[in-house]
Amino acid sequence: MLSTPLTAPGRLPDAVRLRAHGPGDIGWIISRHGALYAREYGWDLRFEALVARIAADFIDRFDATREACWIAERTGTDGVPERLGCVVLVQARDDATGAIDPGVAQLRLLLVEPAARGLGVGRRLVAECTRFARDAGQTSLRLWTQSNLVAARAIYQREGYRLVGTEPHHSFGHALVGEIWDMPLVPAAAVGPVDRSTGAPAPQATRRPDDR
C-alpha cells in the first residue's frame, strides 16, 4: 500500500501523506526538478531533459511489483492538496544496454520543496524506498547523485548508503563530480517490525534473564 501517513510531532503543522503517483504528477516532477535545480545550482535545460527521460522510462517500463513513485503532500490552508516532494524507485538497469540488473533497485528523482525542508520529508521518502525494495525481495539499493548535493547526500548516508564510486564529468553547464552510492538490503524477516512513522526498525523490548 503506497498511501502512508507521515508526521513529525512538534514540527509539522499538518499531516503529510505519501501517495502513489497519478495523473499530472510526472509532469510536476519534471517541472519542479528543472525549476529548482536551475534556481539553486544554475543547471541548464539539459538536466530537465534528463529528468524527463528518466520519468518517461519509469512510466513505459513500470512494474508495480518492483517499482514505485511516492508523492509527499499535505492539505493546504485552502483545502487543496499541496505537493511537497517526490521520489521514484526503479529496477536498476545497465545504462548502455537497458538490461536488468537482477536484485538491484535504484532510487531516483528525490526532491523536497524548499518550504518543506527540515521537516523530515526527504528522510521519509528515502526510507519508504528502502522498505518497498526490501519487501519486493531486492538485495541492494543503488543511486547516482552529485557531490555538491550536500543535503541529499546526508539523507542517503543516514539511511545506510555508502559511497562506492566517483567520476568527474561536465553536465548541465557545470563541472560536477558524480557519485554512486550503494546499500545492501537485509531481508524483511530479519529486520522485524518497522515504525511506520519513521520507516526505521521499531524498538524491541529488552528481555531480562529472569523473563520466561
N, C-alpha and C. Protein backbone atom coordinates (compact mmCIF):
# COMPACT_ATOMS: atom_id res chain seq x y z
N MET A 1 0.85 -1.19 0.00
CA MET A 1 0.00 0.00 0.00
C MET A 1 0.88 1.24 0.00
N LEU A 2 0.65 2.15 -0.91
CA LEU A 2 1.54 3.29 -1.08
C LEU A 2 1.11 4.54 -0.33
N SER A 3 -0.10 4.55 0.24
CA SER A 3 -0.53 5.72 0.97
C SER A 3 -0.15 5.54 2.43
N THR A 4 0.80 6.35 2.91
CA THR A 4 1.37 6.19 4.23
C THR A 4 1.39 7.52 4.94
N PRO A 5 0.88 7.59 6.20
CA PRO A 5 0.92 8.87 6.92
C PRO A 5 2.33 9.22 7.33
N LEU A 6 2.65 10.49 7.35
CA LEU A 6 3.95 10.97 7.80
C LEU A 6 3.70 12.09 8.79
N THR A 7 4.21 11.95 9.97
CA THR A 7 4.06 13.01 10.96
C THR A 7 5.39 13.28 11.61
N ALA A 8 5.60 14.51 12.02
CA ALA A 8 6.79 14.89 12.78
C ALA A 8 6.30 15.74 13.93
N PRO A 9 5.98 15.12 15.07
CA PRO A 9 5.38 15.84 16.20
C PRO A 9 6.15 17.10 16.56
N GLY A 10 5.42 18.21 16.71
CA GLY A 10 6.03 19.46 17.11
C GLY A 10 6.66 20.24 15.98
N ARG A 11 6.73 19.67 14.79
CA ARG A 11 7.41 20.36 13.70
C ARG A 11 6.54 20.47 12.46
N LEU A 12 5.57 19.59 12.33
CA LEU A 12 4.77 19.56 11.12
C LEU A 12 3.35 19.98 11.44
N PRO A 13 2.91 21.15 11.00
CA PRO A 13 1.60 21.65 11.40
C PRO A 13 0.44 20.85 10.84
N ASP A 14 0.61 20.28 9.68
CA ASP A 14 -0.44 19.48 9.06
C ASP A 14 0.11 18.10 8.74
N ALA A 15 -0.79 17.10 8.71
CA ALA A 15 -0.36 15.74 8.37
C ALA A 15 0.13 15.71 6.93
N VAL A 16 1.27 15.08 6.74
CA VAL A 16 1.83 14.89 5.40
C VAL A 16 1.65 13.44 5.02
N ARG A 17 1.15 13.22 3.81
CA ARG A 17 0.88 11.88 3.33
C ARG A 17 1.83 11.51 2.20
N LEU A 18 2.16 10.24 2.11
CA LEU A 18 2.84 9.72 0.94
C LEU A 18 1.81 8.94 0.14
N ARG A 19 1.74 9.21 -1.15
CA ARG A 19 0.79 8.50 -2.01
C ARG A 19 1.47 8.13 -3.31
N ALA A 20 0.85 7.22 -4.03
CA ALA A 20 1.36 6.83 -5.34
C ALA A 20 1.13 7.94 -6.36
N HIS A 21 1.89 7.90 -7.45
CA HIS A 21 1.73 8.90 -8.50
C HIS A 21 0.40 8.72 -9.22
N GLY A 22 -0.09 9.81 -9.75
CA GLY A 22 -1.32 9.82 -10.52
C GLY A 22 -1.21 10.81 -11.66
N PRO A 23 -2.30 11.05 -12.38
CA PRO A 23 -2.28 11.99 -13.50
C PRO A 23 -1.76 13.37 -13.06
N GLY A 24 -0.83 13.90 -13.82
CA GLY A 24 -0.26 15.21 -13.55
C GLY A 24 1.00 15.19 -12.70
N ASP A 25 1.22 14.10 -11.97
CA ASP A 25 2.36 14.07 -11.06
C ASP A 25 3.70 13.96 -11.79
N ILE A 26 3.76 13.17 -12.85
CA ILE A 26 5.03 13.01 -13.56
C ILE A 26 5.46 14.33 -14.20
N GLY A 27 4.50 15.04 -14.76
CA GLY A 27 4.81 16.35 -15.32
C GLY A 27 5.30 17.31 -14.24
N TRP A 28 4.69 17.23 -13.05
CA TRP A 28 5.12 18.07 -11.94
C TRP A 28 6.54 17.73 -11.52
N ILE A 29 6.87 16.45 -11.44
CA ILE A 29 8.22 16.03 -11.07
C ILE A 29 9.25 16.62 -12.03
N ILE A 30 8.97 16.53 -13.31
CA ILE A 30 9.89 17.08 -14.31
C ILE A 30 10.03 18.59 -14.16
N SER A 31 8.89 19.27 -14.07
CA SER A 31 8.89 20.73 -13.98
C SER A 31 9.62 21.23 -12.74
N ARG A 32 9.34 20.62 -11.59
CA ARG A 32 9.95 21.11 -10.35
C ARG A 32 11.45 20.82 -10.29
N HIS A 33 11.87 19.67 -10.81
CA HIS A 33 13.30 19.42 -10.88
C HIS A 33 13.99 20.48 -11.76
N GLY A 34 13.40 20.74 -12.92
CA GLY A 34 14.00 21.71 -13.81
C GLY A 34 14.10 23.09 -13.18
N ALA A 35 13.00 23.54 -12.56
CA ALA A 35 12.96 24.88 -11.99
C ALA A 35 13.87 25.02 -10.77
N LEU A 36 13.80 24.05 -9.84
CA LEU A 36 14.57 24.16 -8.61
C LEU A 36 16.08 24.04 -8.83
N TYR A 37 16.48 23.10 -9.68
CA TYR A 37 17.91 22.92 -9.91
C TYR A 37 18.50 24.08 -10.73
N ALA A 38 17.69 24.69 -11.57
CA ALA A 38 18.15 25.88 -12.28
C ALA A 38 18.35 27.04 -11.30
N ARG A 39 17.41 27.20 -10.38
CA ARG A 39 17.46 28.31 -9.44
C ARG A 39 18.56 28.12 -8.38
N GLU A 40 18.69 26.90 -7.87
CA GLU A 40 19.59 26.66 -6.74
C GLU A 40 21.02 26.31 -7.16
N TYR A 41 21.17 25.71 -8.35
CA TYR A 41 22.50 25.26 -8.77
C TYR A 41 22.91 25.79 -10.14
N GLY A 42 22.01 26.47 -10.83
CA GLY A 42 22.34 27.01 -12.14
C GLY A 42 22.41 25.97 -13.24
N TRP A 43 21.81 24.80 -13.03
CA TRP A 43 21.85 23.77 -14.06
C TRP A 43 20.94 24.14 -15.23
N ASP A 44 21.39 23.81 -16.41
CA ASP A 44 20.65 24.24 -17.60
C ASP A 44 19.55 23.24 -17.99
N LEU A 45 18.91 23.50 -19.12
CA LEU A 45 17.76 22.71 -19.54
C LEU A 45 18.09 21.25 -19.84
N ARG A 46 19.35 20.94 -20.03
CA ARG A 46 19.72 19.54 -20.27
C ARG A 46 19.43 18.67 -19.06
N PHE A 47 19.45 19.27 -17.86
CA PHE A 47 19.09 18.49 -16.68
C PHE A 47 17.59 18.17 -16.71
N GLU A 48 16.77 19.15 -17.03
CA GLU A 48 15.34 18.90 -17.11
C GLU A 48 15.03 17.84 -18.17
N ALA A 49 15.79 17.86 -19.27
CA ALA A 49 15.61 16.85 -20.32
C ALA A 49 15.95 15.46 -19.80
N LEU A 50 17.02 15.36 -18.99
CA LEU A 50 17.39 14.08 -18.40
C LEU A 50 16.29 13.57 -17.48
N VAL A 51 15.76 14.45 -16.65
CA VAL A 51 14.68 14.07 -15.75
C VAL A 51 13.47 13.59 -16.55
N ALA A 52 13.17 14.27 -17.65
CA ALA A 52 12.04 13.86 -18.50
C ALA A 52 12.25 12.46 -19.06
N ARG A 53 13.48 12.14 -19.47
CA ARG A 53 13.76 10.80 -20.00
C ARG A 53 13.62 9.74 -18.91
N ILE A 54 14.14 10.05 -17.72
CA ILE A 54 14.03 9.10 -16.60
C ILE A 54 12.56 8.86 -16.27
N ALA A 55 11.79 9.94 -16.22
CA ALA A 55 10.37 9.83 -15.89
C ALA A 55 9.61 9.05 -16.96
N ALA A 56 9.92 9.30 -18.23
CA ALA A 56 9.24 8.58 -19.31
C ALA A 56 9.57 7.09 -19.27
N ASP A 57 10.84 6.76 -19.00
CA ASP A 57 11.23 5.36 -18.88
C ASP A 57 10.50 4.69 -17.73
N PHE A 58 10.34 5.42 -16.64
CA PHE A 58 9.63 4.87 -15.48
C PHE A 58 8.21 4.47 -15.86
N ILE A 59 7.51 5.34 -16.56
CA ILE A 59 6.14 5.05 -16.97
C ILE A 59 6.10 3.93 -18.01
N ASP A 60 6.97 3.98 -18.99
CA ASP A 60 6.94 2.99 -20.07
C ASP A 60 7.28 1.58 -19.58
N ARG A 61 8.16 1.49 -18.60
CA ARG A 61 8.62 0.17 -18.12
C ARG A 61 7.99 -0.24 -16.80
N PHE A 62 7.06 0.52 -16.30
CA PHE A 62 6.58 0.37 -14.92
C PHE A 62 6.16 -1.05 -14.58
N ASP A 63 6.75 -1.56 -13.51
CA ASP A 63 6.42 -2.88 -12.97
C ASP A 63 6.07 -2.67 -11.50
N ALA A 64 4.77 -2.73 -11.18
CA ALA A 64 4.31 -2.41 -9.83
C ALA A 64 4.83 -3.36 -8.77
N THR A 65 5.35 -4.51 -9.16
CA THR A 65 5.88 -5.44 -8.16
C THR A 65 7.28 -5.04 -7.69
N ARG A 66 7.98 -4.22 -8.47
CA ARG A 66 9.35 -3.86 -8.13
C ARG A 66 9.61 -2.36 -8.17
N GLU A 67 8.66 -1.58 -8.64
CA GLU A 67 8.90 -0.15 -8.85
C GLU A 67 7.75 0.67 -8.26
N ALA A 68 8.06 1.90 -7.90
CA ALA A 68 7.04 2.76 -7.29
C ALA A 68 7.48 4.21 -7.37
N CYS A 69 6.51 5.09 -7.19
CA CYS A 69 6.76 6.52 -7.08
C CYS A 69 5.91 7.02 -5.92
N TRP A 70 6.51 7.87 -5.10
CA TRP A 70 5.76 8.46 -3.99
C TRP A 70 5.76 9.97 -4.12
N ILE A 71 4.59 10.54 -3.89
CA ILE A 71 4.41 11.99 -3.80
C ILE A 71 4.10 12.32 -2.35
N ALA A 72 4.86 13.21 -1.74
CA ALA A 72 4.55 13.70 -0.40
C ALA A 72 3.66 14.93 -0.56
N GLU A 73 2.55 14.94 0.18
CA GLU A 73 1.65 16.08 0.07
C GLU A 73 0.94 16.32 1.39
N ARG A 74 0.42 17.52 1.52
CA ARG A 74 -0.43 17.85 2.65
C ARG A 74 -1.53 18.79 2.16
N THR A 75 -2.57 18.90 2.93
CA THR A 75 -3.68 19.77 2.55
C THR A 75 -3.35 21.20 2.96
N GLY A 76 -3.42 22.10 1.99
CA GLY A 76 -3.12 23.50 2.25
C GLY A 76 -4.23 24.20 3.00
N THR A 77 -3.99 25.45 3.35
CA THR A 77 -4.99 26.22 4.10
C THR A 77 -6.27 26.44 3.31
N ASP A 78 -6.15 26.34 1.97
CA ASP A 78 -7.34 26.49 1.13
C ASP A 78 -8.04 25.17 0.88
N GLY A 79 -7.55 24.09 1.52
CA GLY A 79 -8.19 22.79 1.36
C GLY A 79 -7.70 22.02 0.15
N VAL A 80 -6.78 22.59 -0.62
CA VAL A 80 -6.26 21.94 -1.83
C VAL A 80 -4.96 21.22 -1.49
N PRO A 81 -4.81 19.96 -1.92
CA PRO A 81 -3.57 19.24 -1.66
C PRO A 81 -2.36 19.97 -2.24
N GLU A 82 -1.29 20.00 -1.47
CA GLU A 82 -0.05 20.69 -1.86
C GLU A 82 1.08 19.67 -1.92
N ARG A 83 1.71 19.54 -3.09
CA ARG A 83 2.83 18.62 -3.23
C ARG A 83 4.06 19.19 -2.53
N LEU A 84 4.74 18.33 -1.76
CA LEU A 84 5.92 18.76 -1.01
C LEU A 84 7.19 18.08 -1.46
N GLY A 85 7.08 16.96 -2.16
CA GLY A 85 8.28 16.24 -2.56
C GLY A 85 7.93 14.98 -3.32
N CYS A 86 8.98 14.28 -3.76
CA CYS A 86 8.76 13.08 -4.54
C CYS A 86 10.01 12.22 -4.53
N VAL A 87 9.84 10.96 -4.90
CA VAL A 87 10.95 10.07 -5.15
C VAL A 87 10.43 8.95 -6.04
N VAL A 88 11.34 8.36 -6.82
CA VAL A 88 10.99 7.25 -7.71
C VAL A 88 11.94 6.10 -7.41
N LEU A 89 11.39 4.89 -7.36
CA LEU A 89 12.19 3.68 -7.19
C LEU A 89 12.01 2.82 -8.42
N VAL A 90 13.11 2.46 -9.07
CA VAL A 90 13.04 1.67 -10.31
C VAL A 90 13.92 0.43 -10.20
N GLN A 91 13.67 -0.50 -11.10
CA GLN A 91 14.56 -1.64 -11.26
C GLN A 91 15.85 -1.14 -11.90
N ALA A 92 16.98 -1.41 -11.29
CA ALA A 92 18.26 -0.96 -11.85
C ALA A 92 18.53 -1.67 -13.18
N ARG A 93 19.10 -0.92 -14.12
CA ARG A 93 19.40 -1.44 -15.44
C ARG A 93 20.78 -0.97 -15.89
N ASP A 94 21.37 -1.70 -16.80
CA ASP A 94 22.62 -1.29 -17.41
C ASP A 94 22.37 -0.04 -18.26
N ASP A 95 23.18 1.00 -18.04
CA ASP A 95 22.95 2.26 -18.76
C ASP A 95 23.09 2.11 -20.26
N ALA A 96 23.98 1.25 -20.72
CA ALA A 96 24.24 1.11 -22.15
C ALA A 96 23.23 0.22 -22.85
N THR A 97 22.87 -0.90 -22.21
CA THR A 97 22.03 -1.89 -22.89
C THR A 97 20.58 -1.89 -22.41
N GLY A 98 20.34 -1.34 -21.24
CA GLY A 98 19.00 -1.38 -20.67
C GLY A 98 18.67 -2.71 -20.03
N ALA A 99 19.64 -3.62 -19.96
CA ALA A 99 19.40 -4.93 -19.36
C ALA A 99 19.20 -4.80 -17.85
N ILE A 100 18.30 -5.58 -17.31
CA ILE A 100 18.01 -5.56 -15.88
C ILE A 100 19.20 -6.04 -15.07
N ASP A 101 19.47 -5.35 -13.97
CA ASP A 101 20.49 -5.78 -13.02
C ASP A 101 19.75 -6.52 -11.91
N PRO A 102 19.74 -7.84 -11.94
CA PRO A 102 18.89 -8.62 -11.02
C PRO A 102 19.17 -8.31 -9.55
N GLY A 103 18.09 -8.15 -8.80
CA GLY A 103 18.20 -7.94 -7.36
C GLY A 103 18.56 -6.53 -6.92
N VAL A 104 18.71 -5.61 -7.87
CA VAL A 104 19.15 -4.25 -7.53
C VAL A 104 18.06 -3.25 -7.87
N ALA A 105 17.66 -2.47 -6.88
CA ALA A 105 16.72 -1.37 -7.09
C ALA A 105 17.50 -0.06 -7.12
N GLN A 106 16.96 0.94 -7.81
CA GLN A 106 17.64 2.23 -7.91
C GLN A 106 16.71 3.35 -7.49
N LEU A 107 17.19 4.17 -6.58
CA LEU A 107 16.46 5.35 -6.12
C LEU A 107 16.77 6.51 -7.05
N ARG A 108 15.72 7.19 -7.51
CA ARG A 108 15.90 8.29 -8.44
C ARG A 108 14.94 9.44 -8.12
N LEU A 109 15.32 10.63 -8.57
CA LEU A 109 14.45 11.81 -8.59
C LEU A 109 13.90 12.21 -7.22
N LEU A 110 14.76 12.14 -6.20
CA LEU A 110 14.36 12.65 -4.89
C LEU A 110 14.33 14.17 -4.94
N LEU A 111 13.24 14.74 -4.47
CA LEU A 111 13.11 16.20 -4.43
C LEU A 111 12.21 16.59 -3.27
N VAL A 112 12.60 17.64 -2.56
CA VAL A 112 11.78 18.21 -1.49
C VAL A 112 11.66 19.70 -1.74
N GLU A 113 10.44 20.19 -1.74
CA GLU A 113 10.21 21.62 -1.96
C GLU A 113 10.88 22.43 -0.84
N PRO A 114 11.43 23.61 -1.18
CA PRO A 114 12.11 24.43 -0.16
C PRO A 114 11.28 24.67 1.09
N ALA A 115 9.98 24.89 0.94
CA ALA A 115 9.12 25.18 2.09
C ALA A 115 8.95 23.99 3.01
N ALA A 116 9.27 22.78 2.52
CA ALA A 116 9.07 21.57 3.33
C ALA A 116 10.39 21.02 3.86
N ARG A 117 11.50 21.67 3.57
CA ARG A 117 12.79 21.15 4.02
C ARG A 117 12.95 21.33 5.53
N GLY A 118 13.59 20.35 6.14
CA GLY A 118 13.77 20.36 7.58
C GLY A 118 12.66 19.68 8.35
N LEU A 119 11.64 19.18 7.64
CA LEU A 119 10.51 18.51 8.28
C LEU A 119 10.62 16.99 8.28
N GLY A 120 11.69 16.46 7.67
CA GLY A 120 11.84 15.02 7.60
C GLY A 120 11.21 14.37 6.38
N VAL A 121 10.74 15.19 5.45
CA VAL A 121 10.08 14.65 4.26
C VAL A 121 11.06 13.83 3.42
N GLY A 122 12.26 14.36 3.19
CA GLY A 122 13.24 13.63 2.39
C GLY A 122 13.62 12.31 3.02
N ARG A 123 13.85 12.31 4.34
CA ARG A 123 14.20 11.07 5.03
C ARG A 123 13.09 10.04 4.91
N ARG A 124 11.85 10.51 5.02
CA ARG A 124 10.71 9.57 4.96
C ARG A 124 10.57 8.99 3.56
N LEU A 125 10.77 9.79 2.53
CA LEU A 125 10.70 9.30 1.16
C LEU A 125 11.77 8.25 0.90
N VAL A 126 12.98 8.51 1.37
CA VAL A 126 14.08 7.57 1.17
C VAL A 126 13.83 6.28 1.95
N ALA A 127 13.32 6.40 3.17
CA ALA A 127 13.01 5.22 3.97
C ALA A 127 11.92 4.37 3.32
N GLU A 128 10.97 5.01 2.67
CA GLU A 128 9.90 4.25 2.00
C GLU A 128 10.47 3.45 0.84
N CYS A 129 11.45 4.00 0.15
CA CYS A 129 12.11 3.24 -0.91
C CYS A 129 12.79 2.00 -0.36
N THR A 130 13.45 2.15 0.78
CA THR A 130 14.13 1.02 1.40
C THR A 130 13.12 -0.06 1.77
N ARG A 131 12.03 0.35 2.40
CA ARG A 131 11.01 -0.61 2.80
C ARG A 131 10.43 -1.35 1.61
N PHE A 132 10.08 -0.62 0.57
CA PHE A 132 9.45 -1.22 -0.60
C PHE A 132 10.41 -2.19 -1.30
N ALA A 133 11.65 -1.76 -1.48
CA ALA A 133 12.63 -2.61 -2.17
C ALA A 133 12.88 -3.89 -1.39
N ARG A 134 12.99 -3.77 -0.07
CA ARG A 134 13.20 -4.95 0.76
C ARG A 134 12.00 -5.90 0.66
N ASP A 135 10.80 -5.35 0.75
CA ASP A 135 9.60 -6.18 0.66
C ASP A 135 9.47 -6.84 -0.70
N ALA A 136 10.02 -6.19 -1.75
CA ALA A 136 9.96 -6.74 -3.10
C ALA A 136 11.02 -7.82 -3.34
N GLY A 137 11.87 -8.04 -2.34
CA GLY A 137 12.87 -9.09 -2.46
C GLY A 137 14.17 -8.65 -3.11
N GLN A 138 14.35 -7.33 -3.28
CA GLN A 138 15.61 -6.85 -3.84
C GLN A 138 16.73 -7.02 -2.81
N THR A 139 17.95 -7.21 -3.27
CA THR A 139 19.07 -7.46 -2.37
C THR A 139 19.94 -6.23 -2.12
N SER A 140 19.78 -5.19 -2.95
CA SER A 140 20.54 -3.97 -2.71
C SER A 140 19.86 -2.79 -3.38
N LEU A 141 20.23 -1.60 -2.90
CA LEU A 141 19.75 -0.34 -3.46
C LEU A 141 20.94 0.46 -3.96
N ARG A 142 20.72 1.19 -5.05
CA ARG A 142 21.77 1.99 -5.66
C ARG A 142 21.20 3.36 -6.01
N LEU A 143 22.07 4.36 -6.04
CA LEU A 143 21.64 5.67 -6.52
C LEU A 143 22.84 6.41 -7.09
N TRP A 144 22.53 7.38 -7.95
CA TRP A 144 23.53 8.26 -8.55
C TRP A 144 23.19 9.68 -8.15
N THR A 145 24.18 10.40 -7.61
CA THR A 145 23.96 11.77 -7.21
C THR A 145 25.20 12.58 -7.53
N GLN A 146 25.25 13.83 -7.08
CA GLN A 146 26.39 14.70 -7.32
C GLN A 146 26.98 15.15 -5.99
N SER A 147 28.27 15.38 -5.97
CA SER A 147 28.96 15.69 -4.71
C SER A 147 28.50 17.00 -4.08
N ASN A 148 27.94 17.90 -4.88
CA ASN A 148 27.52 19.19 -4.33
C ASN A 148 26.10 19.17 -3.77
N LEU A 149 25.41 18.06 -3.86
CA LEU A 149 24.05 17.96 -3.31
C LEU A 149 24.16 17.50 -1.86
N VAL A 150 24.62 18.39 -1.03
CA VAL A 150 25.03 18.05 0.33
C VAL A 150 23.87 17.51 1.18
N ALA A 151 22.73 18.17 1.12
CA ALA A 151 21.61 17.74 1.96
C ALA A 151 21.12 16.34 1.58
N ALA A 152 21.02 16.07 0.29
CA ALA A 152 20.59 14.75 -0.16
C ALA A 152 21.60 13.68 0.25
N ARG A 153 22.89 14.00 0.11
CA ARG A 153 23.94 13.03 0.49
C ARG A 153 23.84 12.67 1.97
N ALA A 154 23.51 13.66 2.80
CA ALA A 154 23.38 13.40 4.24
C ALA A 154 22.22 12.45 4.52
N ILE A 155 21.13 12.61 3.78
CA ILE A 155 19.98 11.71 3.95
C ILE A 155 20.37 10.29 3.56
N TYR A 156 21.05 10.15 2.44
CA TYR A 156 21.45 8.82 1.97
C TYR A 156 22.38 8.15 2.98
N GLN A 157 23.34 8.91 3.48
CA GLN A 157 24.29 8.34 4.43
C GLN A 157 23.58 7.91 5.71
N ARG A 158 22.66 8.72 6.17
CA ARG A 158 21.91 8.39 7.38
C ARG A 158 21.07 7.14 7.19
N GLU A 159 20.56 6.93 6.00
CA GLU A 159 19.74 5.75 5.71
C GLU A 159 20.57 4.47 5.68
N GLY A 160 21.88 4.61 5.42
CA GLY A 160 22.74 3.44 5.39
C GLY A 160 23.48 3.24 4.08
N TYR A 161 23.33 4.16 3.15
CA TYR A 161 24.06 4.08 1.88
C TYR A 161 25.53 4.39 2.12
N ARG A 162 26.39 3.80 1.28
CA ARG A 162 27.81 4.06 1.33
C ARG A 162 28.31 4.45 -0.06
N LEU A 163 29.20 5.43 -0.10
CA LEU A 163 29.78 5.89 -1.36
C LEU A 163 30.71 4.81 -1.91
N VAL A 164 30.45 4.37 -3.15
CA VAL A 164 31.26 3.29 -3.73
C VAL A 164 32.01 3.71 -4.99
N GLY A 165 31.74 4.91 -5.52
CA GLY A 165 32.45 5.34 -6.72
C GLY A 165 32.19 6.79 -7.04
N THR A 166 33.18 7.44 -7.66
CA THR A 166 33.04 8.83 -8.08
C THR A 166 33.57 8.97 -9.50
N GLU A 167 33.05 9.98 -10.21
CA GLU A 167 33.51 10.23 -11.58
C GLU A 167 33.27 11.70 -11.94
N PRO A 168 34.35 12.47 -12.17
CA PRO A 168 34.18 13.85 -12.63
C PRO A 168 33.54 13.87 -14.02
N HIS A 169 32.66 14.82 -14.25
CA HIS A 169 32.03 14.95 -15.57
C HIS A 169 31.56 16.39 -15.74
N HIS A 170 31.29 16.75 -16.98
CA HIS A 170 30.77 18.09 -17.27
C HIS A 170 29.37 17.93 -17.83
N SER A 171 28.38 18.33 -17.05
CA SER A 171 26.99 18.16 -17.44
C SER A 171 26.16 19.34 -16.94
N PHE A 172 25.09 19.63 -17.66
CA PHE A 172 24.13 20.66 -17.26
C PHE A 172 24.78 22.04 -17.14
N GLY A 173 25.89 22.23 -17.88
CA GLY A 173 26.58 23.51 -17.89
C GLY A 173 27.60 23.70 -16.79
N HIS A 174 27.96 22.60 -16.07
CA HIS A 174 28.88 22.74 -14.94
C HIS A 174 29.83 21.54 -14.85
N ALA A 175 30.97 21.78 -14.23
CA ALA A 175 31.88 20.68 -13.88
C ALA A 175 31.38 20.07 -12.58
N LEU A 176 31.08 18.78 -12.61
CA LEU A 176 30.48 18.10 -11.47
C LEU A 176 31.26 16.84 -11.14
N VAL A 177 30.99 16.31 -9.98
CA VAL A 177 31.54 15.01 -9.60
C VAL A 177 30.37 14.08 -9.30
N GLY A 178 30.14 13.13 -10.20
CA GLY A 178 29.08 12.17 -9.99
C GLY A 178 29.49 11.14 -8.95
N GLU A 179 28.51 10.69 -8.17
CA GLU A 179 28.77 9.70 -7.13
C GLU A 179 27.78 8.55 -7.22
N ILE A 180 28.27 7.35 -7.02
CA ILE A 180 27.41 6.17 -6.92
C ILE A 180 27.41 5.72 -5.47
N TRP A 181 26.22 5.59 -4.90
CA TRP A 181 26.04 5.12 -3.53
C TRP A 181 25.29 3.79 -3.57
N ASP A 182 25.62 2.91 -2.64
CA ASP A 182 25.03 1.58 -2.62
C ASP A 182 24.67 1.19 -1.19
N MET A 183 23.62 0.36 -1.05
CA MET A 183 23.25 -0.13 0.26
C MET A 183 22.71 -1.55 0.15
N PRO A 184 23.36 -2.53 0.80
CA PRO A 184 22.80 -3.88 0.81
C PRO A 184 21.53 -3.90 1.64
N LEU A 185 20.60 -4.77 1.28
CA LEU A 185 19.33 -4.86 1.99
C LEU A 185 19.25 -6.15 2.79
N VAL A 186 18.89 -6.00 4.05
CA VAL A 186 18.65 -7.15 4.90
C VAL A 186 17.24 -7.65 4.61
N PRO A 187 17.01 -8.96 4.47
CA PRO A 187 15.66 -9.47 4.22
C PRO A 187 14.67 -8.97 5.26
N ALA A 188 13.42 -8.74 4.82
CA ALA A 188 12.39 -8.17 5.71
C ALA A 188 12.22 -8.98 6.98
N ALA A 189 12.29 -10.32 6.88
CA ALA A 189 12.08 -11.18 8.04
C ALA A 189 13.14 -10.94 9.11
N ALA A 190 14.33 -10.53 8.68
CA ALA A 190 15.42 -10.31 9.63
C ALA A 190 15.34 -8.94 10.28
N VAL A 191 14.61 -8.02 9.65
CA VAL A 191 14.51 -6.66 10.17
C VAL A 191 13.53 -6.59 11.33
N GLY A 192 12.43 -7.34 11.22
CA GLY A 192 11.40 -7.30 12.25
C GLY A 192 10.44 -6.15 12.05
N PRO A 193 9.64 -5.81 13.08
CA PRO A 193 8.64 -4.75 12.95
C PRO A 193 9.28 -3.41 12.61
N VAL A 194 8.54 -2.60 11.83
CA VAL A 194 9.03 -1.29 11.40
C VAL A 194 8.11 -0.21 11.94
N ASP A 195 8.70 0.87 12.43
CA ASP A 195 7.95 2.05 12.87
C ASP A 195 7.47 2.79 11.64
N ARG A 196 6.17 2.76 11.35
CA ARG A 196 5.66 3.33 10.11
C ARG A 196 5.76 4.85 10.07
N SER A 197 5.94 5.51 11.23
CA SER A 197 6.06 6.97 11.22
C SER A 197 7.44 7.43 10.79
N THR A 198 8.45 6.54 10.91
CA THR A 198 9.81 6.93 10.55
C THR A 198 10.43 6.03 9.50
N GLY A 199 9.89 4.82 9.32
CA GLY A 199 10.46 3.86 8.39
C GLY A 199 11.61 3.08 8.98
N ALA A 200 11.94 3.33 10.25
CA ALA A 200 13.05 2.65 10.91
C ALA A 200 12.54 1.42 11.67
N PRO A 201 13.45 0.47 11.96
CA PRO A 201 13.03 -0.68 12.76
C PRO A 201 12.44 -0.23 14.09
N ALA A 202 11.34 -0.85 14.50
CA ALA A 202 10.70 -0.48 15.75
C ALA A 202 11.53 -0.99 16.92
N PRO A 203 11.59 -0.23 18.02
CA PRO A 203 12.36 -0.68 19.19
C PRO A 203 11.77 -1.95 19.76
N GLN A 204 12.62 -2.86 20.18
CA GLN A 204 12.18 -4.12 20.75
C GLN A 204 12.38 -4.09 22.26
N ALA A 205 11.46 -4.73 22.98
CA ALA A 205 11.58 -4.81 24.43
C ALA A 205 12.81 -5.63 24.81
N THR A 206 13.52 -5.17 25.82
CA THR A 206 14.71 -5.89 26.28
C THR A 206 14.29 -7.06 27.15
N ARG A 207 14.80 -8.23 26.84
CA ARG A 207 14.45 -9.42 27.60
C ARG A 207 15.43 -9.57 28.76
N ARG A 208 14.89 -9.66 30.00
CA ARG A 208 15.72 -9.84 31.17
C ARG A 208 16.02 -11.32 31.38
N PRO A 209 17.10 -11.63 32.08
CA PRO A 209 17.47 -13.03 32.28
C PRO A 209 16.38 -13.85 32.96
N ASP A 210 15.57 -13.20 33.82
CA ASP A 210 14.55 -13.97 34.54
C ASP A 210 13.21 -14.02 33.81
N ASP A 211 13.13 -13.43 32.60
CA ASP A 211 11.89 -13.49 31.82
C ASP A 211 11.67 -14.91 31.34
N ARG A 212 10.43 -15.33 31.32
CA ARG A 212 10.07 -16.67 30.83
C ARG A 212 9.10 -16.55 29.66
